[in-house]
């Protein structure tokens, strides 16, 4: 006979990846996270000052690993910040008034804008390792109930 659990169901955390323009770094991070474990968290991305389009070189290096960047850049908003359990600042620093009171991870990632494709690949690969570490933390329940 099965009995219902008396423990509350754990809510998947909402993770907001943020970078300067939401044109490369935060797009790469959110796409890699979604591609690897879409059901472990709600994933959002935004920019402090949103670009009008995703970086062509970011699209190219992500296509090389079979992941597409098809989400338009978004401007950070109070609603996105309020929805987030965790904010991942991908190369834009964590000291922003908008982030006050939130759990913020500060990833030091170089801006690939205007860089040769080899450098953009290095940025992608560095973000990939950071995403793997974040996935491990999410699976361990580090951000549950925030």
N, C-alpha and C. Protein backbone atom coordinates (compact mmCIF):
# COMPACT_ATOMS: atom_id res chain seq x y z
N UNK A 1 0.84 -1.18 0.00
CA UNK A 1 0.00 0.00 0.00
C UNK A 1 0.89 1.25 0.00
N UNK A 2 0.65 2.14 -0.93
CA UNK A 2 1.43 3.36 -1.00
C UNK A 2 0.78 4.44 -0.16
N UNK A 3 1.61 5.21 0.50
CA UNK A 3 1.09 6.35 1.26
C UNK A 3 1.70 7.61 0.72
N UNK A 4 0.94 8.67 0.77
CA UNK A 4 1.44 9.96 0.31
C UNK A 4 2.49 10.47 1.28
N UNK A 5 3.49 11.10 0.75
CA UNK A 5 4.53 11.66 1.59
C UNK A 5 3.98 12.85 2.37
N UNK A 6 4.38 12.95 3.61
CA UNK A 6 3.96 14.08 4.43
C UNK A 6 4.91 15.26 4.28
N UNK A 7 6.03 15.03 3.60
CA UNK A 7 6.99 16.09 3.40
C UNK A 7 6.57 16.93 2.20
N UNK A 8 6.78 18.23 2.27
CA UNK A 8 6.43 19.06 1.11
C UNK A 8 7.32 18.71 -0.07
N UNK A 9 6.74 18.76 -1.25
CA UNK A 9 7.51 18.49 -2.46
C UNK A 9 8.52 19.60 -2.68
N UNK A 10 9.74 19.22 -3.02
CA UNK A 10 10.78 20.22 -3.27
C UNK A 10 10.52 20.92 -4.58
N UNK A 11 10.62 22.22 -4.55
CA UNK A 11 10.41 23.05 -5.74
C UNK A 11 11.73 23.19 -6.48
N UNK A 12 11.65 23.05 -7.79
CA UNK A 12 12.85 23.27 -8.61
C UNK A 12 13.22 24.74 -8.51
N UNK A 13 14.49 25.04 -8.28
CA UNK A 13 14.89 26.45 -8.18
C UNK A 13 14.81 27.16 -9.53
N UNK A 14 14.61 28.45 -9.47
CA UNK A 14 14.65 29.30 -10.67
C UNK A 14 16.01 29.98 -10.70
N UNK A 15 16.72 29.77 -11.79
CA UNK A 15 18.07 30.31 -11.95
C UNK A 15 18.03 31.36 -13.05
N UNK A 16 18.52 32.55 -12.73
CA UNK A 16 18.59 33.65 -13.68
C UNK A 16 20.05 33.91 -14.02
N UNK A 17 20.42 33.67 -15.28
CA UNK A 17 21.76 33.98 -15.77
C UNK A 17 21.75 35.39 -16.32
N UNK A 18 22.70 36.22 -15.87
CA UNK A 18 22.75 37.62 -16.28
C UNK A 18 24.15 37.96 -16.77
N UNK A 19 24.22 38.71 -17.87
CA UNK A 19 25.48 39.28 -18.32
C UNK A 19 25.19 40.70 -18.80
N UNK A 20 26.16 41.32 -19.39
CA UNK A 20 26.00 42.71 -19.78
C UNK A 20 24.88 42.96 -20.77
N UNK A 21 24.84 42.16 -21.85
CA UNK A 21 23.89 42.44 -22.93
C UNK A 21 22.95 41.29 -23.25
N UNK A 22 23.13 40.13 -22.59
CA UNK A 22 22.34 38.94 -22.88
C UNK A 22 22.49 38.54 -24.35
N UNK A 23 23.69 38.76 -24.88
CA UNK A 23 23.96 38.44 -26.27
C UNK A 23 24.91 37.26 -26.43
N UNK A 24 25.62 36.87 -25.35
CA UNK A 24 26.58 35.77 -25.47
C UNK A 24 26.67 34.97 -24.17
N UNK A 25 27.36 35.50 -23.15
CA UNK A 25 27.69 34.71 -21.96
C UNK A 25 26.47 34.12 -21.24
N UNK A 26 25.49 34.95 -20.91
CA UNK A 26 24.32 34.42 -20.20
C UNK A 26 23.48 33.54 -21.11
N UNK A 27 23.48 33.82 -22.40
CA UNK A 27 22.76 32.96 -23.36
C UNK A 27 23.43 31.58 -23.43
N UNK A 28 24.76 31.57 -23.49
CA UNK A 28 25.51 30.31 -23.53
C UNK A 28 25.25 29.50 -22.26
N UNK A 29 25.35 30.15 -21.11
CA UNK A 29 25.16 29.46 -19.83
C UNK A 29 23.75 28.87 -19.72
N UNK A 30 22.74 29.67 -20.03
CA UNK A 30 21.37 29.17 -19.89
C UNK A 30 21.08 28.05 -20.89
N UNK A 31 21.60 28.17 -22.10
CA UNK A 31 21.37 27.12 -23.11
C UNK A 31 22.05 25.81 -22.72
N UNK A 32 23.29 25.90 -22.21
CA UNK A 32 23.99 24.68 -21.77
C UNK A 32 23.26 24.04 -20.60
N UNK A 33 22.82 24.85 -19.63
CA UNK A 33 22.11 24.31 -18.48
C UNK A 33 20.82 23.61 -18.94
N UNK A 34 20.03 24.28 -19.76
CA UNK A 34 18.77 23.70 -20.26
C UNK A 34 19.03 22.41 -21.04
N UNK A 35 20.07 22.42 -21.86
CA UNK A 35 20.38 21.25 -22.68
C UNK A 35 20.74 20.04 -21.83
N UNK A 36 21.38 20.29 -20.71
CA UNK A 36 21.86 19.18 -19.87
C UNK A 36 20.83 18.70 -18.86
N UNK A 37 20.09 19.60 -18.29
CA UNK A 37 19.16 19.20 -17.21
C UNK A 37 17.94 20.12 -17.14
N UNK A 38 17.20 20.20 -18.17
CA UNK A 38 16.08 21.14 -18.24
C UNK A 38 15.10 20.98 -17.09
N UNK A 39 14.91 19.77 -16.60
CA UNK A 39 13.89 19.56 -15.57
C UNK A 39 14.35 19.85 -14.15
N UNK A 40 15.64 20.07 -13.94
CA UNK A 40 16.15 20.30 -12.59
C UNK A 40 15.96 21.72 -12.09
N UNK A 41 15.64 22.65 -12.99
CA UNK A 41 15.48 24.04 -12.60
C UNK A 41 14.72 24.79 -13.68
N UNK A 42 14.16 25.91 -13.28
CA UNK A 42 13.58 26.85 -14.24
C UNK A 42 14.72 27.79 -14.60
N UNK A 43 14.99 27.96 -15.90
CA UNK A 43 16.15 28.72 -16.34
C UNK A 43 15.72 29.96 -17.11
N UNK A 44 16.25 31.10 -16.68
CA UNK A 44 15.98 32.38 -17.32
C UNK A 44 17.31 33.05 -17.64
N UNK A 45 17.30 34.01 -18.57
CA UNK A 45 18.50 34.80 -18.82
C UNK A 45 18.10 36.21 -19.19
N UNK A 46 19.00 37.14 -18.89
CA UNK A 46 18.73 38.55 -19.18
C UNK A 46 20.05 39.31 -19.20
N UNK A 47 19.97 40.55 -19.67
CA UNK A 47 21.14 41.41 -19.71
C UNK A 47 20.90 42.70 -18.95
N UNK A 48 21.97 43.26 -18.40
CA UNK A 48 21.85 44.53 -17.70
C UNK A 48 21.43 45.63 -18.66
N UNK A 49 21.87 45.50 -19.90
CA UNK A 49 21.48 46.42 -20.97
C UNK A 49 21.37 45.57 -22.23
N UNK A 50 20.18 45.03 -22.47
CA UNK A 50 19.99 44.01 -23.51
C UNK A 50 20.37 44.49 -24.90
N UNK A 51 21.06 43.60 -25.62
CA UNK A 51 21.42 43.84 -27.01
C UNK A 51 20.19 43.64 -27.89
N UNK A 52 20.33 43.94 -29.15
CA UNK A 52 19.22 43.74 -30.07
C UNK A 52 19.23 42.34 -30.69
N UNK A 53 20.40 41.66 -30.63
CA UNK A 53 20.48 40.31 -31.18
C UNK A 53 21.57 39.52 -30.48
N UNK A 54 21.48 38.21 -30.61
CA UNK A 54 22.51 37.33 -30.05
C UNK A 54 23.75 37.42 -30.92
N UNK A 55 24.91 37.36 -30.29
CA UNK A 55 26.18 37.40 -30.99
C UNK A 55 26.28 36.26 -32.01
N UNK A 56 26.59 36.58 -33.27
CA UNK A 56 26.76 35.52 -34.28
C UNK A 56 27.86 34.52 -33.90
N UNK A 57 28.94 35.01 -33.29
CA UNK A 57 30.02 34.08 -32.90
C UNK A 57 29.57 33.17 -31.76
N UNK A 58 28.74 33.67 -30.85
CA UNK A 58 28.20 32.82 -29.78
C UNK A 58 27.31 31.74 -30.39
N UNK A 59 26.48 32.12 -31.34
CA UNK A 59 25.63 31.13 -32.02
C UNK A 59 26.48 30.07 -32.70
N UNK A 60 27.55 30.53 -33.37
CA UNK A 60 28.42 29.60 -34.10
C UNK A 60 29.06 28.57 -33.17
N UNK A 61 29.65 29.03 -32.06
CA UNK A 61 30.34 28.08 -31.17
C UNK A 61 29.36 27.16 -30.45
N UNK A 62 28.14 27.62 -30.24
CA UNK A 62 27.15 26.74 -29.62
C UNK A 62 26.64 25.71 -30.63
N UNK A 63 26.48 26.12 -31.88
CA UNK A 63 26.09 25.16 -32.91
C UNK A 63 27.12 24.05 -33.05
N UNK A 64 28.41 24.38 -32.80
CA UNK A 64 29.47 23.37 -32.87
C UNK A 64 29.28 22.25 -31.86
N UNK A 65 28.60 22.55 -30.74
CA UNK A 65 28.37 21.53 -29.71
C UNK A 65 26.91 21.06 -29.72
N UNK A 66 26.19 21.41 -30.79
CA UNK A 66 24.83 20.91 -30.95
C UNK A 66 23.77 21.59 -30.11
N UNK A 67 24.05 22.80 -29.67
CA UNK A 67 23.08 23.55 -28.86
C UNK A 67 22.80 24.86 -29.57
N UNK A 68 21.52 25.15 -29.77
CA UNK A 68 21.20 26.39 -30.48
C UNK A 68 20.85 27.50 -29.50
N UNK A 69 21.18 28.70 -29.90
CA UNK A 69 20.81 29.91 -29.16
C UNK A 69 19.69 30.57 -29.96
N UNK A 70 18.47 30.38 -29.50
CA UNK A 70 17.35 30.88 -30.28
C UNK A 70 16.45 31.83 -29.49
N UNK A 71 16.89 32.20 -28.32
CA UNK A 71 16.12 33.12 -27.49
C UNK A 71 16.61 34.55 -27.71
N UNK A 72 15.71 35.47 -27.93
CA UNK A 72 16.10 36.87 -28.14
C UNK A 72 16.64 37.45 -26.84
N UNK A 73 17.61 38.36 -26.91
CA UNK A 73 18.11 39.01 -25.70
C UNK A 73 16.98 39.71 -24.94
N UNK A 74 17.05 39.60 -23.62
CA UNK A 74 16.04 40.21 -22.75
C UNK A 74 16.69 41.18 -21.78
N UNK A 75 16.00 42.22 -21.48
CA UNK A 75 16.42 43.21 -20.49
C UNK A 75 16.08 42.67 -19.10
N UNK A 76 17.01 42.82 -18.16
CA UNK A 76 16.71 42.42 -16.79
C UNK A 76 15.55 43.27 -16.28
N UNK A 77 14.72 42.67 -15.45
CA UNK A 77 13.56 43.37 -14.91
C UNK A 77 13.35 42.95 -13.46
N UNK A 78 12.60 43.73 -12.75
CA UNK A 78 12.28 43.40 -11.36
C UNK A 78 11.56 42.06 -11.30
N UNK A 79 10.70 41.79 -12.27
CA UNK A 79 9.96 40.53 -12.28
C UNK A 79 10.90 39.33 -12.42
N UNK A 80 11.88 39.44 -13.31
CA UNK A 80 12.84 38.33 -13.47
C UNK A 80 13.65 38.13 -12.20
N UNK A 81 14.13 39.22 -11.62
CA UNK A 81 14.92 39.12 -10.39
C UNK A 81 14.08 38.54 -9.26
N UNK A 82 12.85 39.02 -9.11
CA UNK A 82 11.97 38.51 -8.06
C UNK A 82 11.68 37.03 -8.23
N UNK A 83 11.59 36.56 -9.47
CA UNK A 83 11.29 35.14 -9.74
C UNK A 83 12.48 34.23 -9.44
N UNK A 84 13.68 34.80 -9.44
CA UNK A 84 14.89 33.99 -9.31
C UNK A 84 15.19 33.60 -7.87
N UNK A 85 15.55 32.32 -7.70
CA UNK A 85 16.09 31.86 -6.42
C UNK A 85 17.58 32.10 -6.38
N UNK A 86 18.21 32.01 -7.54
CA UNK A 86 19.65 32.19 -7.67
C UNK A 86 19.91 33.05 -8.91
N UNK A 87 20.78 34.03 -8.75
CA UNK A 87 21.21 34.84 -9.89
C UNK A 87 22.67 34.50 -10.16
N UNK A 88 22.95 34.15 -11.40
CA UNK A 88 24.33 33.87 -11.79
C UNK A 88 24.80 35.04 -12.65
N UNK A 89 25.70 35.83 -12.10
CA UNK A 89 26.27 36.97 -12.81
C UNK A 89 27.43 36.44 -13.65
N UNK A 90 27.22 36.34 -14.96
CA UNK A 90 28.20 35.72 -15.86
C UNK A 90 29.08 36.81 -16.46
N UNK A 91 30.08 37.23 -15.68
CA UNK A 91 31.03 38.21 -16.17
C UNK A 91 30.61 39.65 -16.00
N UNK A 92 29.50 39.90 -15.31
CA UNK A 92 29.05 41.30 -15.15
C UNK A 92 29.16 41.78 -13.71
N UNK A 93 29.70 40.94 -12.83
CA UNK A 93 29.85 41.32 -11.44
C UNK A 93 28.55 41.13 -10.66
N UNK A 94 28.69 40.93 -9.37
CA UNK A 94 27.53 40.63 -8.53
C UNK A 94 27.01 41.83 -7.77
N UNK A 95 27.73 42.94 -7.80
CA UNK A 95 27.36 44.10 -6.98
C UNK A 95 26.43 45.04 -7.74
N UNK A 96 25.20 44.64 -7.89
CA UNK A 96 24.20 45.47 -8.56
C UNK A 96 23.01 45.63 -7.62
N UNK A 97 22.47 46.82 -7.54
CA UNK A 97 21.34 47.07 -6.66
C UNK A 97 20.18 46.12 -6.93
N UNK A 98 19.98 45.77 -8.20
CA UNK A 98 18.88 44.89 -8.56
C UNK A 98 18.97 43.52 -7.88
N UNK A 99 20.19 43.10 -7.51
CA UNK A 99 20.41 41.77 -6.95
C UNK A 99 20.32 41.73 -5.43
N UNK A 100 20.15 42.87 -4.79
CA UNK A 100 20.17 42.94 -3.33
C UNK A 100 19.16 41.95 -2.72
N UNK A 101 19.63 41.17 -1.74
CA UNK A 101 18.77 40.22 -1.04
C UNK A 101 18.66 38.87 -1.71
N UNK A 102 19.33 38.69 -2.83
CA UNK A 102 19.27 37.42 -3.57
C UNK A 102 20.57 36.64 -3.39
N UNK A 103 20.49 35.34 -3.60
CA UNK A 103 21.70 34.52 -3.68
C UNK A 103 22.31 34.79 -5.05
N UNK A 104 23.56 35.26 -5.06
CA UNK A 104 24.22 35.61 -6.32
C UNK A 104 25.54 34.85 -6.43
N UNK A 105 25.71 34.18 -7.55
CA UNK A 105 26.98 33.55 -7.88
C UNK A 105 27.68 34.45 -8.88
N UNK A 106 28.93 34.77 -8.63
CA UNK A 106 29.68 35.69 -9.47
C UNK A 106 30.71 34.91 -10.28
N UNK A 107 30.38 34.64 -11.54
CA UNK A 107 31.28 33.92 -12.43
C UNK A 107 32.13 34.94 -13.18
N UNK A 108 33.43 34.85 -13.03
CA UNK A 108 34.35 35.74 -13.73
C UNK A 108 34.64 35.15 -15.11
N UNK A 109 33.95 35.67 -16.10
CA UNK A 109 34.05 35.17 -17.47
C UNK A 109 34.32 36.35 -18.38
N UNK A 110 35.34 36.22 -19.22
CA UNK A 110 35.67 37.29 -20.16
C UNK A 110 34.56 37.51 -21.17
N UNK A 111 34.42 38.75 -21.60
CA UNK A 111 33.44 39.10 -22.63
C UNK A 111 33.99 38.69 -23.99
N UNK A 112 33.27 37.84 -24.72
CA UNK A 112 33.77 37.40 -26.03
C UNK A 112 33.50 38.39 -27.16
N UNK A 113 32.82 39.49 -26.87
CA UNK A 113 32.47 40.45 -27.91
C UNK A 113 33.72 40.92 -28.65
N UNK A 114 33.68 40.79 -29.97
CA UNK A 114 34.77 41.25 -30.81
C UNK A 114 36.01 40.37 -30.80
N UNK A 115 35.95 39.24 -30.13
CA UNK A 115 37.10 38.35 -30.02
C UNK A 115 37.12 37.35 -31.18
N UNK A 116 38.30 36.82 -31.50
CA UNK A 116 38.37 35.77 -32.53
C UNK A 116 37.60 34.53 -32.07
N UNK A 117 37.16 33.74 -33.01
CA UNK A 117 36.32 32.58 -32.71
C UNK A 117 36.99 31.61 -31.73
N UNK A 118 38.32 31.51 -31.79
CA UNK A 118 39.03 30.62 -30.85
C UNK A 118 38.81 31.07 -29.41
N UNK A 119 38.80 32.39 -29.18
CA UNK A 119 38.57 32.92 -27.84
C UNK A 119 37.13 32.71 -27.41
N UNK A 120 36.20 32.82 -28.34
CA UNK A 120 34.79 32.59 -28.02
C UNK A 120 34.59 31.12 -27.62
N UNK A 121 35.30 30.22 -28.27
CA UNK A 121 35.25 28.80 -27.89
C UNK A 121 35.76 28.60 -26.47
N UNK A 122 36.84 29.30 -26.12
CA UNK A 122 37.38 29.20 -24.76
C UNK A 122 36.37 29.71 -23.73
N UNK A 123 35.70 30.79 -24.06
CA UNK A 123 34.65 31.32 -23.17
C UNK A 123 33.55 30.28 -23.01
N UNK A 124 33.09 29.70 -24.13
CA UNK A 124 32.05 28.66 -24.07
C UNK A 124 32.50 27.50 -23.19
N UNK A 125 33.73 27.03 -23.38
CA UNK A 125 34.22 25.88 -22.63
C UNK A 125 34.35 26.20 -21.14
N UNK A 126 34.79 27.41 -20.82
CA UNK A 126 34.86 27.82 -19.42
C UNK A 126 33.49 27.87 -18.77
N UNK A 127 32.52 28.43 -19.49
CA UNK A 127 31.15 28.47 -18.98
C UNK A 127 30.61 27.06 -18.82
N UNK A 128 30.95 26.17 -19.74
CA UNK A 128 30.50 24.79 -19.67
C UNK A 128 30.92 24.12 -18.36
N UNK A 129 32.15 24.35 -17.95
CA UNK A 129 32.63 23.77 -16.68
C UNK A 129 31.89 24.37 -15.48
N UNK A 130 31.65 25.66 -15.53
CA UNK A 130 30.92 26.32 -14.45
C UNK A 130 29.48 25.81 -14.38
N UNK A 131 28.87 25.60 -15.54
CA UNK A 131 27.51 25.05 -15.58
C UNK A 131 27.48 23.66 -14.97
N UNK A 132 28.47 22.82 -15.28
CA UNK A 132 28.53 21.48 -14.69
C UNK A 132 28.58 21.55 -13.17
N UNK A 133 29.37 22.47 -12.63
CA UNK A 133 29.45 22.63 -11.17
C UNK A 133 28.10 23.09 -10.61
N UNK A 134 27.44 24.00 -11.30
CA UNK A 134 26.14 24.49 -10.85
C UNK A 134 25.10 23.37 -10.87
N UNK A 135 25.12 22.56 -11.90
CA UNK A 135 24.19 21.42 -11.99
C UNK A 135 24.38 20.51 -10.79
N UNK A 136 25.61 20.24 -10.44
CA UNK A 136 25.89 19.39 -9.28
C UNK A 136 25.31 20.01 -8.01
N UNK A 137 25.49 21.31 -7.83
CA UNK A 137 24.93 21.99 -6.65
C UNK A 137 23.41 21.94 -6.64
N UNK A 138 22.79 22.13 -7.79
CA UNK A 138 21.32 22.07 -7.87
C UNK A 138 20.84 20.67 -7.52
N UNK A 139 21.49 19.66 -8.05
CA UNK A 139 21.09 18.27 -7.77
C UNK A 139 21.27 17.90 -6.31
N UNK A 140 22.23 18.54 -5.65
CA UNK A 140 22.44 18.30 -4.21
C UNK A 140 21.42 19.06 -3.37
N UNK A 141 20.59 19.87 -4.01
CA UNK A 141 19.58 20.64 -3.29
C UNK A 141 20.09 21.90 -2.66
N UNK A 142 21.23 22.39 -3.11
CA UNK A 142 21.84 23.57 -2.48
C UNK A 142 20.94 24.80 -2.55
N UNK A 143 20.11 24.92 -3.55
CA UNK A 143 19.31 26.12 -3.73
C UNK A 143 17.82 25.89 -3.49
N UNK A 144 17.47 24.77 -2.89
CA UNK A 144 16.06 24.47 -2.60
C UNK A 144 15.53 25.42 -1.54
N UNK A 145 14.32 25.86 -1.75
CA UNK A 145 13.63 26.64 -0.72
C UNK A 145 14.18 28.03 -0.50
N UNK A 146 14.87 28.58 -1.47
CA UNK A 146 15.43 29.93 -1.30
C UNK A 146 14.41 30.96 -1.65
